[in-house]
C-alpha atoms as a PDB file:
ATOM      1  CA  MET A   1     -16.803  24.933 -13.578  1.00  0.00           C
ATOM      2  CA  ASP A   2     -14.965  27.843 -12.266  1.00  0.00           C
ATOM      3  CA  SER A   3     -13.528  29.139  -8.605  1.00  0.00           C
ATOM      4  CA  GLN A   4     -17.462  30.324  -8.342  1.00  0.00           C
ATOM      5  CA  ALA A   5     -18.686  27.036  -7.681  1.00  0.00           C
ATOM      6  CA  PRO A   6     -21.609  26.608  -5.369  1.00  0.00           C
ATOM      7  CA  ASP A   7     -21.138  26.242  -1.621  1.00  0.00           C
ATOM      8  CA  PRO A   8     -20.886  22.434  -0.758  1.00  0.00           C
ATOM      9  CA  ARG A   9     -24.275  20.925   0.666  1.00  0.00           C
ATOM     10  CA  PRO A  10     -24.935  19.046   3.525  1.00  0.00           C
ATOM     11  CA  VAL A  11     -25.936  15.460   2.629  1.00  0.00           C
ATOM     12  CA  LEU A  12     -25.703  14.138   6.594  1.00  0.00           C
ATOM     13  CA  GLU A  13     -26.053  16.145   9.757  1.00  0.00           C
ATOM     14  CA  GLY A  14     -24.719  15.322  13.203  1.00  0.00           C
ATOM     15  CA  PRO A  15     -27.962  13.063  13.942  1.00  0.00           C
ATOM     16  CA  ASP A  16     -27.810  11.176  10.954  1.00  0.00           C
ATOM     17  CA  ILE A  17     -24.123  10.215  11.564  1.00  0.00           C
ATOM     18  CA  ALA A  18     -24.925   9.152  15.089  1.00  0.00           C
ATOM     19  CA  ARG A  19     -28.045   6.981  13.642  1.00  0.00           C
ATOM     20  CA  VAL A  20     -25.830   5.637  11.000  1.00  0.00           C
ATOM     21  CA  LEU A  21     -23.200   4.578  13.441  1.00  0.00           C
ATOM     22  CA  THR A  22     -25.828   2.930  15.625  1.00  0.00           C
ATOM     23  CA  ARG A  23     -26.604   0.976  12.660  1.00  0.00           C
ATOM     24  CA  ILE A  24     -23.266  -0.046  11.595  1.00  0.00           C
ATOM     25  CA  ALA A  25     -22.710  -1.006  15.219  1.00  0.00           C
ATOM     26  CA  HIS A  26     -25.750  -3.373  15.274  1.00  0.00           C
ATOM     27  CA  GLU A  27     -24.722  -4.904  11.658  1.00  0.00           C
ATOM     28  CA  ILE A  28     -21.262  -5.595  13.436  1.00  0.00           C
ATOM     29  CA  VAL A  29     -22.567  -7.180  16.408  1.00  0.00           C
ATOM     30  CA  GLU A  30     -25.098  -9.246  13.972  1.00  0.00           C
ATOM     31  CA  ARG A  31     -22.689 -10.428  11.761  1.00  0.00           C
ATOM     32  CA  ALA A  32     -19.794 -11.034  14.506  1.00  0.00           C
ATOM     33  CA  LYS A  33     -22.437 -12.931  16.247  1.00  0.00           C
ATOM     34  CA  GLY A  34     -21.647 -10.701  19.313  1.00  0.00           C
ATOM     35  CA  ALA A  35     -18.661  -9.099  18.756  1.00  0.00           C
ATOM     36  CA  ASP A  36     -16.412 -11.054  21.208  1.00  0.00           C
ATOM     37  CA  ASP A  37     -13.597 -10.987  19.135  1.00  0.00           C
ATOM     38  CA  VAL A  38     -13.747  -7.482  17.168  1.00  0.00           C
ATOM     39  CA  VAL A  39     -10.949  -4.896  17.097  1.00  0.00           C
ATOM     40  CA  LEU A  40     -11.773  -1.641  15.316  1.00  0.00           C
ATOM     41  CA  LEU A  41      -8.581   0.032  13.969  1.00  0.00           C
ATOM     42  CA  GLY A  42      -9.520   3.803  12.617  1.00  0.00           C
ATOM     43  CA  ILE A  43      -7.398   5.075   9.841  1.00  0.00           C
ATOM     44  CA  PRO A  44      -5.967   8.152  10.877  1.00  0.00           C
ATOM     45  CA  THR A  45      -7.726  11.159  10.877  1.00  0.00           C
ATOM     46  CA  ARG A  46     -11.389  11.037  10.947  1.00  0.00           C
ATOM     47  CA  GLY A  47     -11.602   7.158  10.787  1.00  0.00           C
ATOM     48  CA  VAL A  48     -10.146   7.180  14.198  1.00  0.00           C
ATOM     49  CA  PHE A  49     -12.778   9.186  15.773  1.00  0.00           C
ATOM     50  CA  LEU A  50     -15.255   7.102  14.014  1.00  0.00           C
ATOM     51  CA  ALA A  51     -13.804   3.922  15.129  1.00  0.00           C
ATOM     52  CA  GLN A  52     -13.881   5.570  18.742  1.00  0.00           C
ATOM     53  CA  ARG A  53     -17.528   6.493  18.208  1.00  0.00           C
ATOM     54  CA  LEU A  54     -18.501   2.999  16.900  1.00  0.00           C
ATOM     55  CA  ALA A  55     -16.490   1.068  20.137  1.00  0.00           C
ATOM     56  CA  ALA A  56     -18.648   3.336  22.218  1.00  0.00           C
ATOM     57  CA  LYS A  57     -21.856   2.358  20.562  1.00  0.00           C
ATOM     58  CA  LEU A  58     -20.875  -1.701  20.439  1.00  0.00           C
ATOM     59  CA  GLU A  59     -20.046  -1.429  24.328  1.00  0.00           C
ATOM     60  CA  GLU A  60     -23.701   0.042  24.800  1.00  0.00           C
ATOM     61  CA  ILE A  61     -24.888  -2.777  22.797  1.00  0.00           C
ATOM     62  CA  THR A  62     -22.789  -5.500  23.922  1.00  0.00           C
ATOM     63  CA  ASP A  63     -22.050  -4.519  27.434  1.00  0.00           C
ATOM     64  CA  ARG A  64     -18.389  -5.293  26.995  1.00  0.00           C
ATOM     65  CA  LYS A  65     -15.227  -3.242  26.190  1.00  0.00           C
ATOM     66  CA  ILE A  66     -14.178  -3.340  22.448  1.00  0.00           C
ATOM     67  CA  PRO A  67     -10.652  -2.534  21.604  1.00  0.00           C
ATOM     68  CA  VAL A  68     -10.055   0.293  19.380  1.00  0.00           C
ATOM     69  CA  GLY A  69      -6.890   1.654  17.869  1.00  0.00           C
ATOM     70  CA  SER A  70      -5.548   3.640  14.848  1.00  0.00           C
ATOM     71  CA  LEU A  71      -3.634   2.157  11.877  1.00  0.00           C
ATOM     72  CA  ASP A  72      -1.174   4.849  10.327  1.00  0.00           C
ATOM     73  CA  ILE A  73      -0.928   4.133   6.389  1.00  0.00           C
ATOM     74  CA  THR A  74       1.108   6.959   5.369  1.00  0.00           C
ATOM     75  CA  MET A  75       4.331   4.589   4.593  1.00  0.00           C
ATOM     76  CA  TYR A  76       2.287   2.416   2.606  1.00  0.00           C
ATOM     77  CA  ARG A  77       0.453   4.665   0.475  1.00  0.00           C
ATOM     78  CA  ASP A  78       1.253   4.197  -3.559  1.00  0.00           C
ATOM     79  CA  ASP A  79       1.162   7.809  -4.020  1.00  0.00           C
ATOM     80  CA  LEU A  80       3.862   8.992  -1.384  1.00  0.00           C
ATOM     81  CA  ARG A  81       6.225  10.513  -4.549  1.00  0.00           C
ATOM     82  CA  MET A  82       3.307  12.405  -5.926  1.00  0.00           C
ATOM     83  CA  GLN A  83       1.915  14.043  -2.977  1.00  0.00           C
ATOM     84  CA  PRO A  84       3.739  16.582  -0.753  1.00  0.00           C
ATOM     85  CA  PRO A  85       5.707  15.312   2.084  1.00  0.00           C
ATOM     86  CA  ARG A  86       3.083  14.814   4.981  1.00  0.00           C
ATOM     87  CA  ALA A  87       3.434  13.848   8.723  1.00  0.00           C
ATOM     88  CA  LEU A  88       2.995  10.188  10.026  1.00  0.00           C
ATOM     89  CA  ALA A  89      -0.060   9.767  12.153  1.00  0.00           C
ATOM     90  CA  ARG A  90       0.083   7.396  15.238  1.00  0.00           C
ATOM     91  CA  THR A  91      -0.574   3.370  14.885  1.00  0.00           C
ATOM     92  CA  GLU A  92      -1.980   2.142  17.837  1.00  0.00           C
ATOM     93  CA  ILE A  93      -2.708  -1.467  18.569  1.00  0.00           C
ATOM     94  CA  PRO A  94      -4.692  -2.612  21.476  1.00  0.00           C
ATOM     95  CA  GLY A  95      -2.992  -4.388  24.094  1.00  0.00           C
ATOM     96  CA  ASP A  96      -3.934  -7.897  22.943  1.00  0.00           C
ATOM     97  CA  GLY A  97      -3.030  -7.285  19.242  1.00  0.00           C
ATOM     98  CA  VAL A  98      -4.724  -8.370  16.270  1.00  0.00           C
ATOM     99  CA  ASP A  99      -3.671 -11.913  15.686  1.00  0.00           C
ATOM    100  CA  GLY A 100      -6.908 -14.376  15.229  1.00  0.00           C
ATOM    101  CA  ARG A 101      -9.260 -11.589  15.900  1.00  0.00           C
ATOM    102  CA  LEU A 102     -11.979  -9.797  13.725  1.00  0.00           C
ATOM    103  CA  VAL A 103     -10.428  -6.423  12.711  1.00  0.00           C
ATOM    104  CA  VAL A 104     -12.725  -3.751  11.587  1.00  0.00           C
ATOM    105  CA  LEU A 105     -10.981  -1.319   9.554  1.00  0.00           C
ATOM    106  CA  VAL A 106     -12.900   2.247   9.686  1.00  0.00           C
ATOM    107  CA  ASP A 107     -12.526   5.170   7.509  1.00  0.00           C
ATOM    108  CA  ASP A 108     -14.494   8.052   6.735  1.00  0.00           C
ATOM    109  CA  VAL A 109     -14.694   8.061   2.875  1.00  0.00           C
ATOM    110  CA  LEU A 110     -14.345   4.826   0.462  1.00  0.00           C
ATOM    111  CA  PHE A 111     -13.237   6.119  -3.127  1.00  0.00           C
ATOM    112  CA  SER A 112     -10.821   4.660  -5.124  1.00  0.00           C
ATOM    113  CA  GLY A 113      -9.732   1.766  -2.687  1.00  0.00           C
ATOM    114  CA  ARG A 114      -6.230   2.903  -2.830  1.00  0.00           C
ATOM    115  CA  THR A 115      -6.211   3.952   1.257  1.00  0.00           C
ATOM    116  CA  ILE A 116      -7.932   0.485   2.258  1.00  0.00           C
ATOM    117  CA  ARG A 117      -5.159  -1.260   0.096  1.00  0.00           C
ATOM    118  CA  ALA A 118      -2.583   0.624   1.997  1.00  0.00           C
ATOM    119  CA  ALA A 119      -4.408  -0.321   5.169  1.00  0.00           C
ATOM    120  CA  LEU A 120      -4.325  -4.013   4.569  1.00  0.00           C
ATOM    121  CA  ASP A 121      -0.627  -3.763   3.804  1.00  0.00           C
ATOM    122  CA  ALA A 122       0.131  -2.196   6.825  1.00  0.00           C
ATOM    123  CA  LEU A 123      -2.078  -4.524   8.812  1.00  0.00           C
ATOM    124  CA  ASN A 124      -0.227  -7.177   7.283  1.00  0.00           C
ATOM    125  CA  ASP A 125       2.943  -5.963   8.982  1.00  0.00           C
ATOM    126  CA  ILE A 126       1.552  -6.040  12.342  1.00  0.00           C
ATOM    127  CA  GLY A 127      -0.110  -9.123  12.750  1.00  0.00           C
ATOM    128  CA  ARG A 128      -2.483 -11.767  11.141  1.00  0.00           C
ATOM    129  CA  PRO A 129      -6.118 -11.276  11.815  1.00  0.00           C
ATOM    130  CA  ARG A 130      -8.744 -13.875  11.513  1.00  0.00           C
ATOM    131  CA  ALA A 131     -10.423 -11.968   9.052  1.00  0.00           C
ATOM    132  CA  VAL A 132     -10.742  -8.408   8.198  1.00  0.00           C
ATOM    133  CA  GLN A 133     -13.971  -5.772   7.270  1.00  0.00           C
ATOM    134  CA  LEU A 134     -14.259  -2.383   6.464  1.00  0.00           C
ATOM    135  CA  ALA A 135     -16.791   0.300   7.842  1.00  0.00           C
ATOM    136  CA  VAL A 136     -16.791   3.503   6.060  1.00  0.00           C
ATOM    137  CA  LEU A 137     -19.221   6.541   6.734  1.00  0.00           C
ATOM    138  CA  VAL A 138     -19.578   7.218   2.909  1.00  0.00           C
ATOM    139  CA  ASP A 139     -19.178   5.009  -0.121  1.00  0.00           C
ATOM    140  CA  ARG A 140     -19.090   7.516  -2.925  1.00  0.00           C
ATOM    141  CA  GLY A 141     -17.950   4.678  -5.594  1.00  0.00           C
ATOM    142  CA  HIS A 142     -15.349   5.155  -8.459  1.00  0.00           C
ATOM    143  CA  ARG A 143     -13.347   2.162  -7.317  1.00  0.00           C
ATOM    144  CA  GLU A 144      -9.759   1.819  -8.903  1.00  0.00           C
ATOM    145  CA  LEU A 145      -9.089  -1.453  -6.974  1.00  0.00           C
ATOM    146  CA  PRO A 146     -11.680  -4.250  -6.496  1.00  0.00           C
ATOM    147  CA  ILE A 147     -12.285  -3.365  -2.428  1.00  0.00           C
ATOM    148  CA  ARG A 148     -15.789  -3.181  -1.199  1.00  0.00           C
ATOM    149  CA  ALA A 149     -16.935  -1.934   2.251  1.00  0.00           C
ATOM    150  CA  ASP A 150     -18.809  -4.360   4.532  1.00  0.00           C
ATOM    151  CA  TYR A 151     -20.566  -1.686   6.568  1.00  0.00           C
ATOM    152  CA  VAL A 152     -21.411   1.471   4.817  1.00  0.00           C
ATOM    153  CA  GLY A 153     -23.362   4.649   6.455  1.00  0.00           C
ATOM    154  CA  LYS A 154     -24.401   6.132   3.635  1.00  0.00           C
ATOM    155  CA  ASN A 155     -23.806   5.392  -0.316  1.00  0.00           C
ATOM    156  CA  LEU A 156     -23.569   8.925  -2.424  1.00  0.00           C
ATOM    157  CA  PRO A 157     -23.125   8.259  -5.854  1.00  0.00           C
ATOM    158  CA  THR A 158     -20.914  11.206  -7.036  1.00  0.00           C
ATOM    159  CA  SER A 159     -19.123  12.384 -10.126  1.00  0.00           C
ATOM    160  CA  LEU A 160     -15.289  13.247 -10.167  1.00  0.00           C
ATOM    161  CA  ARG A 161     -16.073  16.414 -10.453  1.00  0.00           C
ATOM    162  CA  GLU A 162     -17.736  16.348  -7.041  1.00  0.00           C
ATOM    163  CA  THR A 163     -15.942  16.322  -3.546  1.00  0.00           C
ATOM    164  CA  VAL A 164     -17.211  14.817  -0.208  1.00  0.00           C
ATOM    165  CA  LYS A 165     -15.684  16.430   2.919  1.00  0.00           C
ATOM    166  CA  VAL A 166     -16.796  14.748   6.119  1.00  0.00           C
ATOM    167  CA  GLN A 167     -16.309  16.969   9.459  1.00  0.00           C
ATOM    168  CA  LEU A 168     -16.391  15.585  12.676  1.00  0.00           C
ATOM    169  CA  ALA A 169     -16.520  17.824  16.083  1.00  0.00           C
ATOM    170  CA  GLU A 170     -13.555  16.170  17.403  1.00  0.00           C
ATOM    171  CA  GLU A 171     -11.392  17.547  14.427  1.00  0.00           C
ATOM    172  CA  ASP A 172     -13.540  20.362  12.986  1.00  0.00           C
ATOM    173  CA  GLY A 173     -15.875  21.352  15.354  1.00  0.00           C
ATOM    174  CA  ARG A 174     -19.369  19.903  13.862  1.00  0.00           C
ATOM    175  CA  ASP A 175     -20.518  16.593  12.396  1.00  0.00           C
ATOM    176  CA  THR A 176     -21.679  16.781   8.929  1.00  0.00           C
ATOM    177  CA  VAL A 177     -20.851  15.515   5.387  1.00  0.00           C
ATOM    178  CA  LEU A 178     -20.557  17.940   2.452  1.00  0.00           C
ATOM    179  CA  LEU A 179     -21.047  17.280  -0.964  1.00  0.00           C
ATOM    180  CA  GLY A 180     -19.604  20.039  -3.513  1.00  0.00           C
ATOM    181  CA  ALA A 181     -17.778  20.778  -6.829  1.00  0.00           C
ATOM    182  CA  LYS A 182     -14.504  20.878  -7.179  1.00  0.00           C
ATOM    183  CA  ARG A 183     -12.755  24.305  -7.317  1.00  0.00           C
ATOM    184  CA  THR A 184     -10.484  24.995 -10.336  1.00  0.00           C
ATOM    185  CA  ALA A 185      -8.125  27.707 -10.245  1.00  0.00           C
ATOM    186  CA  PRO A 186      -9.440  30.789 -12.240  1.00  0.00           C
ATOM    187  CA  GLY A 187      -8.143  30.470 -15.864  1.00  0.00           C
ATOM    188  CA  ALA A 188      -7.259  26.823 -15.650  1.00  0.00           C
ATOM    189  CA  GLN A 189      -8.348  24.275 -18.224  1.00  0.00           C
ATOM    190  CA  GLN A 190     -11.498  22.105 -18.257  1.00  0.00           C
END
């Protein structure tokens, strides 16, 4: 593979993303028997937008307001010292908190499982939910920890030489999931 890797190809477009979020919302309602105690917490950045979209779909289905917030995991990551410094995102917990509630963590891509492990640690510092579930837009495999999603928009088997990039209108100006080859620097060893 070289720096001339082919352009990423879309595997989900806007209508597909809307459709899988609608399906996930229905699955949450079914599994939670009405979603009365559901709280959605998105993992920044794109997980927050997905959580907000899921909350809107849940509100359409249940005709009730679904609490939604965000959970910054930056300081809980196990790779902090290996990565360049990054800005902290916001943690916003709905007014009624998470104690005794069913918390659904929402993220864009599930890969190694390390982000979700960090999210569980962060959540532990905030409160004690009755249960925690995970909703992801894409599960690309390659888990390094025993973590699995309860709700998956698309299972996308990938190689470690591929990348999955989620773009959402709120952040990127369009809705798409792209699958591409990792680009290597010219002259890099393979």
